[in-house]
């Protein structure tokens, strides 16, 4: 994202500043190194790559020097431990550069988590980086007790005993249902040439969606009340037939009489996406129908199959947005319940 002075920072930095209440940090230093698209090729072609790498390291150190008055500095890694290794700034190497301890964020499952730790912790050991603890993330809520039984500190330290200090588990965090679900506003930003049919600034455009429903049934057999649920994104070809008015009417029914709510308001459909705009134009009746219900809707050029694939990718890579107050509250509530704050402070000798 672009700052007022023309500088650029990662969007996550802006999100953390807003929701973390950290107002006295110079944003120029919060996102010191950004390896964008094409960077690796340019780096490999550089006449003096070592000089380029050293410059990046100095940029990181300069950023940390600007925060020397802070009691705690949390440096967010990215991807697996080796990401950034091409320039000598893998997660492990950055930790050593700033003399930082590592808290490793692991995925869920028992076998899957141990397999991940086998590879990733071995890399940290190879780089002689200090790993102090693990957070197990995105766990299935019903399996928390089982995970805690089999992925405890005793088992972890028997398997990974080469670190300077015993590994601590700082939390078993359950999956938060809404976090991976994009809003229609996010989908509108990420689908090329998407045309918003309505005001993207209204509340309904910024609510997490639910499932994706692709409608291919003939209008004689399609019943919205049978096939659609509140929060669903509905994908349907843009050729006008009885199904589109029925979908819009069903959204209005849910908003007026539905039993599912979101932040105190009745929940309608998540959104309507009219596909195949490259083959069929948008019927002039659709915008007027939508205007009466405020159902978030998009008209896209891509086929239904391509559009569905783009949206599924968003479900796997959705980032927090500046308006996601509800998601932030869910994260805070989850951390208060499942993150071992006392263990964290004790392990790092932090006085509060």
Protein backbone atom coordinates (compact mmCIF):
# COMPACT_ATOMS: atom_id res chain seq x y z
CA UNK A 1 0.00 0.00 0.00
CA UNK A 2 1.15 3.54 -0.73
CA UNK A 3 1.88 5.91 2.16
CA UNK A 4 1.13 9.66 2.04
CA UNK A 5 4.84 10.37 1.41
CA UNK A 6 4.88 8.06 -1.61
CA UNK A 7 6.55 5.13 0.14
CA UNK A 8 5.06 1.65 0.03
CA UNK A 9 4.46 -0.92 2.77
CA UNK A 10 2.87 -4.33 2.95
CA UNK A 11 -0.87 -4.21 3.60
CA UNK A 12 -0.41 -6.32 6.74
CA UNK A 13 1.57 -3.46 8.28
CA UNK A 14 -1.38 -1.10 7.89
CA UNK A 15 -3.76 -3.70 9.35
CA UNK A 16 -1.52 -4.25 12.40
CA UNK A 17 -1.16 -0.52 13.00
CA UNK A 18 -4.91 0.04 12.89
CA UNK A 19 -6.07 -2.90 14.97
CA UNK A 20 -3.03 -3.23 17.23
CA UNK A 21 -3.24 0.29 18.55
CA UNK A 22 0.41 0.93 17.69
CA UNK A 23 0.34 4.54 16.60
CA UNK A 24 3.86 5.73 17.31
CA UNK A 25 5.77 3.58 14.82
CA UNK A 26 7.19 5.06 11.64
CA UNK A 27 5.39 3.08 8.91
CA UNK A 28 8.41 3.38 6.60
CA UNK A 29 10.23 0.87 8.81
CA UNK A 30 7.41 -1.59 9.48
CA UNK A 31 7.77 -3.29 6.09
CA UNK A 32 11.48 -2.81 5.30
CA UNK A 33 11.97 -5.45 2.59
CA UNK A 34 9.37 -6.31 -0.04
CA UNK A 35 10.38 -8.92 -2.60
CA UNK A 36 7.79 -8.34 -5.29
CA UNK A 37 7.08 -10.12 -8.55
CA UNK A 38 10.16 -10.40 -10.75
CA UNK A 39 12.60 -9.63 -7.93
CA UNK A 40 14.32 -13.03 -8.01
CA UNK A 41 15.10 -12.75 -11.73
CA UNK A 42 16.49 -9.24 -11.31
CA UNK A 43 18.58 -10.35 -8.34
CA UNK A 44 20.05 -13.31 -10.20
CA UNK A 45 20.97 -11.05 -13.13
CA UNK A 46 22.58 -8.40 -10.90
CA UNK A 47 26.30 -7.75 -11.48
CA UNK A 48 26.99 -7.79 -7.75
CA UNK A 49 24.27 -9.83 -5.97
CA UNK A 50 26.25 -9.92 -2.72
CA UNK A 51 26.17 -6.13 -2.58
CA UNK A 52 22.41 -6.18 -3.22
CA UNK A 53 21.91 -8.73 -0.42
CA UNK A 54 24.00 -6.68 2.00
CA UNK A 55 21.93 -3.59 1.21
CA UNK A 56 18.74 -5.46 2.05
CA UNK A 57 20.20 -6.68 5.34
CA UNK A 58 21.17 -3.13 6.28
CA UNK A 59 17.62 -2.02 5.52
CA UNK A 60 16.31 -4.64 7.98
CA UNK A 61 18.78 -3.57 10.67
CA UNK A 62 17.90 0.09 10.13
CA UNK A 63 14.23 -0.74 10.66
CA UNK A 64 15.01 -2.49 13.94
CA UNK A 65 17.23 0.37 15.10
CA UNK A 66 14.25 2.71 14.69
CA UNK A 67 12.34 0.62 17.27
CA UNK A 68 15.09 0.22 19.86
CA UNK A 69 12.93 1.89 22.54
CA UNK A 70 10.26 -0.84 22.30
CA UNK A 71 9.95 -3.53 24.97
CA UNK A 72 8.80 -6.20 22.48
CA UNK A 73 9.37 -6.38 18.73
CA UNK A 74 7.55 -9.11 16.80
CA UNK A 75 8.92 -9.68 13.31
CA UNK A 76 6.45 -11.55 11.12
CA UNK A 77 7.99 -14.22 8.92
CA UNK A 78 6.53 -15.34 5.64
CA UNK A 79 5.88 -18.78 4.18
CA UNK A 80 8.19 -21.66 5.11
CA UNK A 81 11.55 -21.13 6.91
CA UNK A 82 13.55 -20.90 3.67
CA UNK A 83 11.53 -18.15 1.98
CA UNK A 84 13.87 -15.27 1.14
CA UNK A 85 16.95 -17.50 1.16
CA UNK A 86 17.85 -16.41 -2.38
CA UNK A 87 19.05 -13.08 -0.93
CA UNK A 88 20.33 -14.46 2.35
CA UNK A 89 17.19 -13.35 4.18
CA UNK A 90 15.33 -16.56 4.86
CA UNK A 91 13.19 -16.54 7.97
CA UNK A 92 15.96 -18.37 9.81
CA UNK A 93 18.63 -15.95 8.60
CA UNK A 94 16.57 -12.88 9.51
CA UNK A 95 16.10 -14.27 13.02
CA UNK A 96 19.87 -14.56 13.37
CA UNK A 97 20.45 -11.14 11.83
CA UNK A 98 18.25 -9.42 14.42
CA UNK A 99 19.31 -11.80 17.22
CA UNK A 100 15.69 -12.89 17.61
CA UNK A 101 14.05 -15.96 19.06
CA UNK A 102 11.63 -17.87 16.84
CA UNK A 103 8.06 -18.86 17.59
CA UNK A 104 7.06 -21.27 14.85
CA UNK A 105 3.48 -21.32 13.60
CA UNK A 106 2.54 -24.89 12.72
CA UNK A 107 -0.48 -26.26 10.92
CA UNK A 108 -2.96 -28.64 12.49
CA UNK A 109 -3.38 -32.38 12.49
CA UNK A 110 -1.05 -34.77 14.33
CA UNK A 111 0.88 -36.57 11.59
CA UNK A 112 0.73 -33.56 9.28
CA UNK A 113 2.05 -31.21 11.97
CA UNK A 114 4.90 -33.56 12.93
CA UNK A 115 5.87 -33.99 9.27
CA UNK A 116 5.94 -30.21 8.86
CA UNK A 117 8.01 -29.75 12.01
CA UNK A 118 10.45 -32.48 10.91
CA UNK A 119 11.37 -30.49 7.81
CA UNK A 120 11.04 -26.93 9.08
CA UNK A 121 12.71 -27.31 12.46
CA UNK A 122 15.56 -29.21 10.80
CA UNK A 123 16.17 -26.14 8.62
CA UNK A 124 16.26 -23.88 11.68
CA UNK A 125 18.74 -26.28 13.32
CA UNK A 126 20.90 -26.27 10.20
CA UNK A 127 20.96 -22.47 10.21
CA UNK A 128 21.63 -22.47 13.99
CA UNK A 129 18.58 -20.30 14.63
CA UNK A 130 16.94 -20.24 18.07
CA UNK A 131 13.47 -21.74 18.12
CA UNK A 132 11.82 -21.15 21.50
CA UNK A 133 8.32 -22.41 20.95
CA UNK A 134 5.45 -23.57 18.75
CA UNK A 135 1.92 -22.35 18.13
CA UNK A 136 -0.42 -24.89 16.57
CA UNK A 137 -2.86 -23.04 14.33
CA UNK A 138 -6.13 -23.68 12.47
CA UNK A 139 -7.00 -26.76 14.50
CA UNK A 140 -10.36 -28.48 14.14
CA UNK A 141 -12.22 -27.34 17.29
CA UNK A 142 -13.60 -30.80 18.08
CA UNK A 143 -10.07 -32.28 18.04
CA UNK A 144 -8.32 -29.78 20.32
CA UNK A 145 -8.04 -32.18 23.26
CA UNK A 146 -6.58 -34.94 21.06
CA UNK A 147 -4.02 -32.54 19.56
CA UNK A 148 -3.02 -31.35 23.04
CA UNK A 149 -2.51 -34.95 24.14
CA UNK A 150 -0.24 -35.99 21.28
CA UNK A 151 1.53 -32.72 20.45
CA UNK A 152 2.67 -31.71 23.90
CA UNK A 153 6.01 -30.30 25.05
CA UNK A 154 7.38 -33.66 26.24
CA UNK A 155 6.84 -35.30 22.85
CA UNK A 156 8.19 -32.29 20.95
CA UNK A 157 11.36 -32.07 23.03
CA UNK A 158 12.04 -35.79 22.69
CA UNK A 159 11.89 -35.46 18.91
CA UNK A 160 13.62 -32.08 18.62
CA UNK A 161 16.20 -31.91 21.35
CA UNK A 162 18.95 -29.96 19.57
CA UNK A 163 17.82 -26.44 20.43
CA UNK A 164 19.50 -24.41 23.18
CA UNK A 165 16.37 -24.33 25.33
CA UNK A 166 13.41 -26.73 25.54
CA UNK A 167 10.56 -25.98 23.16
CA UNK A 168 7.43 -24.47 24.65
CA UNK A 169 3.90 -24.68 23.27
CA UNK A 170 2.35 -21.23 23.42
CA UNK A 171 -1.07 -22.16 22.15
CA UNK A 172 -3.42 -24.55 20.43
CA UNK A 173 -5.53 -22.24 18.28
CA UNK A 174 -8.78 -23.50 16.76
CA UNK A 175 -9.81 -22.53 13.26
CA UNK A 176 -11.97 -19.39 13.19
CA UNK A 177 -14.70 -20.01 10.67
CA UNK A 178 -14.98 -16.53 9.14
CA UNK A 179 -11.28 -15.76 8.66
CA UNK A 180 -10.81 -17.64 5.39
CA UNK A 181 -14.00 -16.34 3.83
CA UNK A 182 -13.73 -13.32 1.55
CA UNK A 183 -16.30 -10.57 1.34
CA UNK A 184 -17.84 -9.58 -1.97
CA UNK A 185 -15.73 -6.40 -1.85
CA UNK A 186 -12.56 -8.53 -1.80
CA UNK A 187 -13.87 -10.71 -4.62
CA UNK A 188 -14.64 -7.60 -6.66
CA UNK A 189 -11.02 -6.46 -6.27
CA UNK A 190 -9.51 -9.80 -7.25
CA UNK A 191 -11.57 -10.86 -10.26
CA UNK A 192 -10.23 -9.14 -13.38
CA UNK A 193 -12.69 -6.80 -15.11
CA UNK A 194 -15.43 -7.46 -12.53
CA UNK A 195 -18.19 -4.86 -12.72
CA UNK A 196 -19.86 -4.10 -9.40
CA UNK A 197 -23.63 -3.81 -9.65
CA UNK A 198 -24.28 -1.60 -6.67
CA UNK A 199 -22.47 0.43 -4.03
CA UNK A 200 -19.39 -1.49 -2.85
CA UNK A 201 -19.14 0.77 0.23
CA UNK A 202 -22.33 -0.58 1.84
CA UNK A 203 -22.18 -3.00 4.77
CA UNK A 204 -23.37 -6.12 2.93
CA UNK A 205 -20.36 -5.94 0.60
CA UNK A 206 -17.97 -6.24 3.56
CA UNK A 207 -19.45 -9.27 5.35
CA UNK A 208 -17.64 -12.64 5.07
CA UNK A 209 -19.40 -14.92 2.63
CA UNK A 210 -20.18 -18.60 3.12
CA UNK A 211 -20.19 -21.34 0.47
CA UNK A 212 -20.02 -21.09 -3.31
CA UNK A 213 -23.11 -22.36 -5.10
CA UNK A 214 -22.94 -22.84 -8.88
CA UNK A 215 -26.43 -22.89 -10.36
CA UNK A 216 -26.82 -25.07 -13.43
CA UNK A 217 -30.28 -26.52 -12.77
CA UNK A 218 -33.06 -25.76 -15.24
CA UNK A 219 -35.41 -23.06 -13.94
CA UNK A 220 -38.22 -25.64 -13.63
CA UNK A 221 -36.27 -27.53 -10.98
CA UNK A 222 -34.35 -24.72 -9.28
CA UNK A 223 -35.81 -23.72 -5.90
CA UNK A 224 -33.71 -21.11 -4.03
CA UNK A 225 -35.12 -22.22 -0.67
CA UNK A 226 -33.90 -25.77 -1.35
CA UNK A 227 -30.48 -25.01 -2.78
CA UNK A 228 -29.28 -21.77 -1.16
CA UNK A 229 -28.35 -20.77 2.38
CA UNK A 230 -27.71 -17.38 4.00
CA UNK A 231 -24.24 -16.09 3.14
CA UNK A 232 -23.88 -18.19 -0.02
CA UNK A 233 -22.23 -16.78 -3.14
CA UNK A 234 -24.37 -17.68 -6.14
CA UNK A 235 -22.67 -18.16 -9.53
CA UNK A 236 -24.94 -18.24 -12.55
CA UNK A 237 -24.67 -17.39 -16.25
CA UNK A 238 -25.69 -13.83 -17.04
CA UNK A 239 -28.35 -14.80 -19.63
CA UNK A 240 -31.62 -13.55 -18.12
CA UNK A 241 -34.15 -16.19 -17.14
CA UNK A 242 -36.53 -16.84 -14.23
CA UNK A 243 -33.75 -18.08 -11.96
CA UNK A 244 -32.10 -14.66 -11.51
CA UNK A 245 -35.27 -12.86 -10.30
CA UNK A 246 -36.00 -15.82 -8.01
CA UNK A 247 -32.51 -15.60 -6.47
CA UNK A 248 -32.86 -11.85 -5.89
CA UNK A 249 -36.35 -12.31 -4.40
CA UNK A 250 -35.07 -15.05 -2.09
CA UNK A 251 -32.33 -12.72 -0.82
CA UNK A 252 -35.01 -10.14 0.01
CA UNK A 253 -37.06 -12.81 1.80
CA UNK A 254 -34.04 -13.81 3.94
CA UNK A 255 -33.34 -10.18 4.83
CA UNK A 256 -36.94 -9.66 5.95
CA UNK A 257 -37.84 -13.00 7.52
CA UNK A 258 -34.69 -15.14 7.83
CA UNK A 259 -33.50 -16.59 11.13
CA UNK A 260 -29.73 -16.39 10.53
CA UNK A 261 -28.16 -13.14 11.74
CA UNK A 262 -24.79 -11.40 11.48
CA UNK A 263 -23.98 -8.70 14.04
CA UNK A 264 -27.65 -8.37 14.89
CA UNK A 265 -28.94 -8.08 11.30
CA UNK A 266 -30.78 -10.75 9.33
CA UNK A 267 -28.39 -12.41 6.88
CA UNK A 268 -29.31 -12.60 3.23
CA UNK A 269 -27.32 -14.22 0.48
CA UNK A 270 -23.61 -13.41 0.41
CA UNK A 271 -23.65 -12.26 -3.18
CA UNK A 272 -24.64 -12.91 -6.76
CA UNK A 273 -22.04 -13.27 -9.51
CA UNK A 274 -23.27 -13.21 -13.10
CA UNK A 275 -20.72 -14.95 -15.32
CA UNK A 276 -19.98 -15.39 -19.04
CA UNK A 277 -20.08 -11.67 -19.79
CA UNK A 278 -17.87 -12.30 -22.80
CA UNK A 279 -20.72 -14.23 -24.43
CA UNK A 280 -23.84 -12.53 -23.10
CA UNK A 281 -24.57 -8.90 -22.24
CA UNK A 282 -26.13 -7.84 -18.96
CA UNK A 283 -29.90 -7.63 -19.17
CA UNK A 284 -31.11 -4.10 -18.31
CA UNK A 285 -33.70 -5.51 -15.88
CA UNK A 286 -31.09 -6.95 -13.52
CA UNK A 287 -29.63 -3.71 -12.06
CA UNK A 288 -33.11 -2.37 -11.23
CA UNK A 289 -34.03 -5.64 -9.49
CA UNK A 290 -30.80 -5.56 -7.49
CA UNK A 291 -31.24 -1.94 -6.48
CA UNK A 292 -34.38 -2.78 -4.52
CA UNK A 293 -32.63 -5.43 -2.40
CA UNK A 294 -28.97 -4.21 -2.07
CA UNK A 295 -27.76 -7.75 -2.82
CA UNK A 296 -24.00 -7.48 -3.59
CA UNK A 297 -23.60 -8.50 -7.21
CA UNK A 298 -20.88 -8.67 -9.86
CA UNK A 299 -20.97 -9.00 -13.63
CA UNK A 300 -17.82 -10.76 -14.88
CA UNK A 301 -16.44 -11.62 -18.29
CA UNK A 302 -15.03 -15.03 -17.33
CA UNK A 303 -16.85 -18.36 -17.56
CA UNK A 304 -18.50 -19.86 -14.52
CA UNK A 305 -15.73 -22.47 -14.15
CA UNK A 306 -12.92 -19.89 -14.29
CA UNK A 307 -14.75 -17.58 -11.89
CA UNK A 308 -15.31 -20.39 -9.40
CA UNK A 309 -11.60 -21.24 -9.50
CA UNK A 310 -10.64 -17.61 -8.82
CA UNK A 311 -12.97 -17.43 -5.83
CA UNK A 312 -11.79 -20.77 -4.41
CA UNK A 313 -8.24 -19.41 -4.52
CA UNK A 314 -9.42 -16.42 -2.47
CA UNK A 315 -10.88 -18.76 0.14
CA UNK A 316 -7.39 -20.20 0.57
CA UNK A 317 -5.55 -16.86 0.63
CA UNK A 318 -7.91 -14.27 2.06
CA UNK A 319 -6.17 -11.48 3.97
CA UNK A 320 -7.65 -9.22 6.60
CA UNK A 321 -9.03 -5.92 5.37
CA UNK A 322 -9.12 -2.54 7.12
CA UNK A 323 -12.88 -2.86 7.63
CA UNK A 324 -12.77 -6.39 9.15
CA UNK A 325 -13.64 -5.33 12.72
CA UNK A 326 -15.71 -8.47 13.28
CA UNK A 327 -12.88 -10.78 12.22
CA UNK A 328 -10.43 -8.89 14.43
CA UNK A 329 -12.74 -9.34 17.41
CA UNK A 330 -12.93 -13.08 16.67
CA UNK A 331 -9.11 -13.27 16.60
CA UNK A 332 -8.77 -11.35 19.87
CA UNK A 333 -11.37 -13.52 21.60
CA UNK A 334 -9.66 -16.67 20.34
CA UNK A 335 -6.22 -15.54 21.56
CA UNK A 336 -7.55 -14.58 24.98
CA UNK A 337 -8.92 -18.09 25.38
CA UNK A 338 -6.31 -20.29 23.69
CA UNK A 339 -2.96 -18.44 23.68
CA UNK A 340 -0.82 -19.01 26.78
CA UNK A 341 0.07 -15.38 27.50
CA UNK A 342 1.56 -16.16 30.91
CA UNK A 343 3.88 -18.80 29.41
CA UNK A 344 4.87 -16.36 26.65
CA UNK A 345 5.83 -13.57 29.06
CA UNK A 346 7.65 -15.97 31.38
CA UNK A 347 9.65 -17.61 28.56
CA UNK A 348 10.93 -14.26 27.30
CA UNK A 349 11.36 -12.61 30.72
CA UNK A 350 8.87 -9.88 29.87
CA UNK A 351 7.66 -7.80 32.78
CA UNK A 352 4.16 -6.35 32.39
